[in-house]
């Protein structure tokens, strides 16, 4: 079984438990009592020469524990100080040691818009994201059907959430290129080998004719990598591990 399938299966199992404890009708009722404002995640990274979506995560399946003394609020302040345009926060609990509480904690002290980074396989999670304070959700094409993607986009837009659609290859890119309002993220990690190569973003950008914001994700270690991507008309970068370890500016 692939690590991705393990994560999805585990997510489905935990979702069943959460839905019993808090039915989706209760989530919708809570949302009816809040004012829905226009999303600002996409705006924060639009038309910038260099926009960094700085990721807050404690661990990952490939890297293990990344931050022993994990403090999401302090990290968010640090990212603000270095000029990050937006934040990405892991909420998947078992494989990435994330939590919805981390997102809520950061939202309470930071003005930066936040992407809920999780494995979204049910519209229930989109309502959760809105209630925890997320400004944007992640939709991973490799774990969703075309109908799910379409449905989830409708729900996100109804809740005034931006959405980042993540692809890994040209086939996945073709499935979602019709969504003109989407932020397109290219994961540079090969899901079969787990090898990372930023050339993947460059190759897919050359094959993409749309005007969507294009984000390069994974494997960006330093300013040299960013400069290479910028030379190929990619100006938004999701950076996690090297920033979490404090190694980005050392390289």
Protein backbone atom coordinates (compact mmCIF):
# COMPACT_ATOMS: atom_id res chain seq x y z
CA UNK A 1 0.00 0.00 0.00
CA UNK A 2 1.34 3.44 -0.91
CA UNK A 3 1.82 6.06 1.79
CA UNK A 4 -0.75 8.25 0.05
CA UNK A 5 -3.39 5.50 0.17
CA UNK A 6 -2.59 4.90 3.83
CA UNK A 7 -3.15 8.58 4.58
CA UNK A 8 -6.42 8.69 2.62
CA UNK A 9 -7.73 5.51 4.27
CA UNK A 10 -6.82 6.87 7.69
CA UNK A 11 -8.49 10.19 6.88
CA UNK A 12 -11.69 8.40 5.86
CA UNK A 13 -11.71 6.44 9.10
CA UNK A 14 -11.24 9.51 11.27
CA UNK A 15 -13.86 11.42 9.30
CA UNK A 16 -16.46 8.79 10.14
CA UNK A 17 -15.76 9.38 13.83
CA UNK A 18 -15.91 13.17 13.53
CA UNK A 19 -19.18 13.07 11.62
CA UNK A 20 -20.79 11.09 14.43
CA UNK A 21 -19.56 13.53 17.06
CA UNK A 22 -20.40 16.65 15.03
CA UNK A 23 -22.84 16.12 12.12
CA UNK A 24 -22.35 18.25 9.01
CA UNK A 25 -25.70 19.92 9.75
CA UNK A 26 -24.15 21.34 12.92
CA UNK A 27 -21.17 22.72 10.97
CA UNK A 28 -23.50 24.36 8.44
CA UNK A 29 -25.57 25.85 11.24
CA UNK A 30 -22.47 27.44 12.78
CA UNK A 31 -21.42 28.87 9.42
CA UNK A 32 -24.87 30.43 8.99
CA UNK A 33 -24.09 32.53 12.04
CA UNK A 34 -20.85 34.04 10.73
CA UNK A 35 -20.31 36.75 8.16
CA UNK A 36 -18.70 35.39 4.99
CA UNK A 37 -16.07 37.80 3.69
CA UNK A 38 -14.34 37.70 0.32
CA UNK A 39 -11.27 35.45 0.39
CA UNK A 40 -7.84 37.08 0.51
CA UNK A 41 -5.43 34.19 0.05
CA UNK A 42 -5.28 34.45 -3.72
CA UNK A 43 -5.04 38.23 -3.54
CA UNK A 44 -2.03 37.98 -1.23
CA UNK A 45 0.07 36.13 -3.81
CA UNK A 46 -1.26 37.76 -6.98
CA UNK A 47 1.00 39.81 -9.27
CA UNK A 48 4.10 39.51 -7.07
CA UNK A 49 7.59 38.93 -8.39
CA UNK A 50 8.29 36.61 -5.47
CA UNK A 51 5.55 35.36 -3.15
CA UNK A 52 6.31 32.75 -0.51
CA UNK A 53 3.63 30.57 1.04
CA UNK A 54 5.49 29.56 4.20
CA UNK A 55 4.49 26.21 5.64
CA UNK A 56 4.11 25.32 9.29
CA UNK A 57 4.51 21.59 9.90
CA UNK A 58 5.96 19.49 12.66
CA UNK A 59 6.67 16.32 10.69
CA UNK A 60 6.19 14.48 7.41
CA UNK A 61 6.32 10.83 6.31
CA UNK A 62 9.44 11.46 4.22
CA UNK A 63 11.38 13.63 6.70
CA UNK A 64 10.15 12.39 10.08
CA UNK A 65 10.11 14.95 12.90
CA UNK A 66 11.15 18.29 11.42
CA UNK A 67 10.71 20.51 14.48
CA UNK A 68 11.31 19.16 17.99
CA UNK A 69 10.38 22.42 19.76
CA UNK A 70 7.31 23.07 17.65
CA UNK A 71 5.55 26.39 18.28
CA UNK A 72 3.19 27.34 15.43
CA UNK A 73 2.53 30.87 16.68
CA UNK A 74 6.21 31.74 16.99
CA UNK A 75 6.85 30.24 13.58
CA UNK A 76 4.06 32.31 12.06
CA UNK A 77 5.57 35.50 13.54
CA UNK A 78 8.97 34.48 12.17
CA UNK A 79 7.46 33.97 8.72
CA UNK A 80 5.76 37.35 8.88
CA UNK A 81 9.11 38.94 9.73
CA UNK A 82 10.80 37.44 6.66
CA UNK A 83 8.04 38.77 4.42
CA UNK A 84 5.94 35.68 3.70
CA UNK A 85 2.82 36.44 1.66
CA UNK A 86 0.70 33.64 3.13
CA UNK A 87 0.88 30.58 5.36
CA UNK A 88 0.22 26.87 4.90
CA UNK A 89 -0.61 24.89 8.03
CA UNK A 90 -0.77 21.10 8.27
CA UNK A 91 -3.86 19.83 10.05
CA UNK A 92 -3.43 16.09 9.30
CA UNK A 93 -2.75 14.52 12.69
CA UNK A 94 -1.22 11.09 12.29
CA UNK A 95 1.30 11.31 9.46
CA UNK A 96 2.23 15.02 9.70
CA UNK A 97 1.55 15.58 13.44
CA UNK A 98 -0.70 18.48 12.51
CA UNK A 99 -3.82 19.83 14.18
CA UNK A 100 -6.74 22.13 13.52
CA UNK A 101 -5.76 23.79 16.79
CA UNK A 102 -2.49 24.94 15.24
CA UNK A 103 -4.41 26.73 12.51
CA UNK A 104 -6.79 28.32 15.02
CA UNK A 105 -3.88 29.43 17.21
CA UNK A 106 -2.05 31.05 14.31
CA UNK A 107 -5.23 32.68 13.00
CA UNK A 108 -5.65 34.40 16.36
CA UNK A 109 -2.28 36.19 16.14
CA UNK A 110 -1.45 36.51 12.44
CA UNK A 111 -2.88 38.68 9.67
CA UNK A 112 -1.49 36.44 6.93
CA UNK A 113 -4.06 34.34 5.03
CA UNK A 114 -3.88 30.61 5.69
CA UNK A 115 -4.10 27.49 3.54
CA UNK A 116 -5.46 24.46 5.35
CA UNK A 117 -3.04 21.74 4.24
CA UNK A 118 -4.79 18.40 4.53
CA UNK A 119 -6.13 15.52 2.47
CA UNK A 120 -9.57 16.79 1.51
CA UNK A 121 -11.78 13.88 0.48
CA UNK A 122 -15.17 15.01 1.80
CA UNK A 123 -17.07 18.30 1.73
CA UNK A 124 -17.32 18.00 5.52
CA UNK A 125 -13.65 19.02 5.70
CA UNK A 126 -14.34 22.20 3.72
CA UNK A 127 -16.90 23.34 6.28
CA UNK A 128 -14.39 22.46 9.00
CA UNK A 129 -11.75 24.56 7.25
CA UNK A 130 -14.01 27.59 7.16
CA UNK A 131 -14.88 27.29 10.84
CA UNK A 132 -11.26 26.89 11.95
CA UNK A 133 -10.34 30.11 10.13
CA UNK A 134 -8.74 28.90 6.90
CA UNK A 135 -8.76 31.21 3.88
CA UNK A 136 -7.92 28.53 1.31
CA UNK A 137 -8.21 24.76 0.95
CA UNK A 138 -6.03 22.19 -0.80
CA UNK A 139 -7.48 19.82 -3.39
CA UNK A 140 -5.10 17.03 -4.42
CA UNK A 141 -6.05 15.79 -7.87
CA UNK A 142 -4.48 12.35 -7.46
CA UNK A 143 -6.90 11.40 -4.66
CA UNK A 144 -10.07 12.94 -6.12
CA UNK A 145 -12.44 12.17 -8.98
CA UNK A 146 -13.43 14.87 -11.46
CA UNK A 147 -16.90 15.06 -9.92
CA UNK A 148 -15.44 15.48 -6.43
CA UNK A 149 -13.18 18.30 -7.61
CA UNK A 150 -16.13 20.09 -9.22
CA UNK A 151 -18.31 19.62 -6.14
CA UNK A 152 -15.63 20.73 -3.70
CA UNK A 153 -14.93 23.86 -5.73
CA UNK A 154 -18.64 24.73 -5.62
CA UNK A 155 -18.68 24.31 -1.84
CA UNK A 156 -15.47 26.34 -1.41
CA UNK A 157 -16.81 29.19 -3.52
CA UNK A 158 -20.11 29.19 -1.63
CA UNK A 159 -18.12 29.59 1.61
CA UNK A 160 -15.85 32.25 0.07
CA UNK A 161 -12.74 30.11 0.32
CA UNK A 162 -9.92 30.16 -2.23
CA UNK A 163 -8.68 26.78 -3.44
CA UNK A 164 -5.28 25.49 -4.45
CA UNK A 165 -5.49 22.48 -6.78
CA UNK A 166 -2.38 20.31 -6.56
CA UNK A 167 -1.12 18.32 -9.55
CA UNK A 168 1.89 16.09 -10.06
CA UNK A 169 1.98 15.53 -13.82
CA UNK A 170 0.56 16.69 -17.15
CA UNK A 171 -2.36 14.26 -17.05
CA UNK A 172 -3.56 15.72 -13.75
CA UNK A 173 -2.98 19.26 -15.00
CA UNK A 174 -5.22 18.65 -18.02
CA UNK A 175 -8.01 17.49 -15.71
CA UNK A 176 -8.18 20.85 -13.92
CA UNK A 177 -7.04 23.47 -16.43
CA UNK A 178 -10.66 24.51 -17.03
CA UNK A 179 -10.95 25.96 -13.51
CA UNK A 180 -9.90 29.52 -14.23
CA UNK A 181 -10.29 30.75 -10.65
CA UNK A 182 -8.11 28.01 -9.16
CA UNK A 183 -4.60 28.44 -7.86
CA UNK A 184 -2.60 25.66 -9.53
CA UNK A 185 0.08 24.03 -7.39
CA UNK A 186 2.68 21.65 -8.80
CA UNK A 187 4.07 19.16 -6.31
CA UNK A 188 7.65 18.46 -7.28
CA UNK A 189 7.68 15.20 -5.32
CA UNK A 190 7.27 12.03 -7.36
CA UNK A 191 4.57 10.07 -5.51
CA UNK A 192 6.05 6.74 -6.60
CA UNK A 193 9.73 7.32 -5.81
CA UNK A 194 9.37 10.29 -3.40
CA UNK A 195 12.25 11.97 -5.25
CA UNK A 196 11.94 15.75 -5.55
CA UNK A 197 12.87 17.86 -8.59
CA UNK A 198 11.79 21.48 -9.15
CA UNK A 199 12.16 20.86 -12.88
CA UNK A 200 8.69 19.30 -12.66
CA UNK A 201 7.17 22.74 -12.04
CA UNK A 202 9.12 24.24 -14.93
CA UNK A 203 8.10 21.50 -17.35
CA UNK A 204 4.40 21.74 -16.46
CA UNK A 205 4.40 25.53 -16.55
CA UNK A 206 5.65 25.40 -20.15
CA UNK A 207 2.78 23.07 -21.06
CA UNK A 208 0.12 25.18 -19.33
CA UNK A 209 -1.64 27.87 -21.35
CA UNK A 210 -3.95 29.27 -18.66
CA UNK A 211 -3.58 32.50 -16.70
CA UNK A 212 -3.95 30.85 -13.27
CA UNK A 213 -1.54 31.59 -10.46
CA UNK A 214 1.08 28.83 -10.66
CA UNK A 215 2.73 27.62 -7.44
CA UNK A 216 5.84 25.44 -7.15
CA UNK A 217 5.69 23.10 -4.14
CA UNK A 218 8.36 20.90 -2.49
CA UNK A 219 12.11 20.79 -2.89
CA UNK A 220 12.75 24.54 -2.85
CA UNK A 221 15.85 24.82 -0.69
CA UNK A 222 17.23 28.31 -1.28
CA UNK A 223 17.05 31.57 -3.21
CA UNK A 224 18.93 29.95 -6.09
CA UNK A 225 16.02 27.52 -6.59
CA UNK A 226 13.57 30.42 -6.47
CA UNK A 227 15.57 32.39 -9.03
CA UNK A 228 15.58 29.40 -11.38
CA UNK A 229 11.80 29.11 -11.10
CA UNK A 230 11.34 32.85 -11.61
CA UNK A 231 13.39 32.63 -14.81
CA UNK A 232 10.71 30.22 -15.99
CA UNK A 233 7.79 32.51 -15.11
CA UNK A 234 6.89 30.93 -11.78
CA UNK A 235 6.62 33.49 -9.00
CA UNK A 236 4.84 31.75 -6.11
CA UNK A 237 6.57 29.17 -3.92
CA UNK A 238 5.28 26.91 -1.17
CA UNK A 239 8.24 26.23 1.11
CA UNK A 240 8.12 24.03 4.18
CA UNK A 241 10.97 21.88 5.39
CA UNK A 242 13.89 24.22 4.64
CA UNK A 243 12.10 27.10 6.37
CA UNK A 244 11.01 24.96 9.32
CA UNK A 245 14.61 23.79 9.83
CA UNK A 246 15.93 27.33 9.41
CA UNK A 247 18.13 26.21 6.51
CA UNK A 248 16.66 28.25 3.66
CA UNK A 249 18.76 31.36 4.25
CA UNK A 250 21.88 29.35 5.07
CA UNK A 251 22.09 27.70 1.66
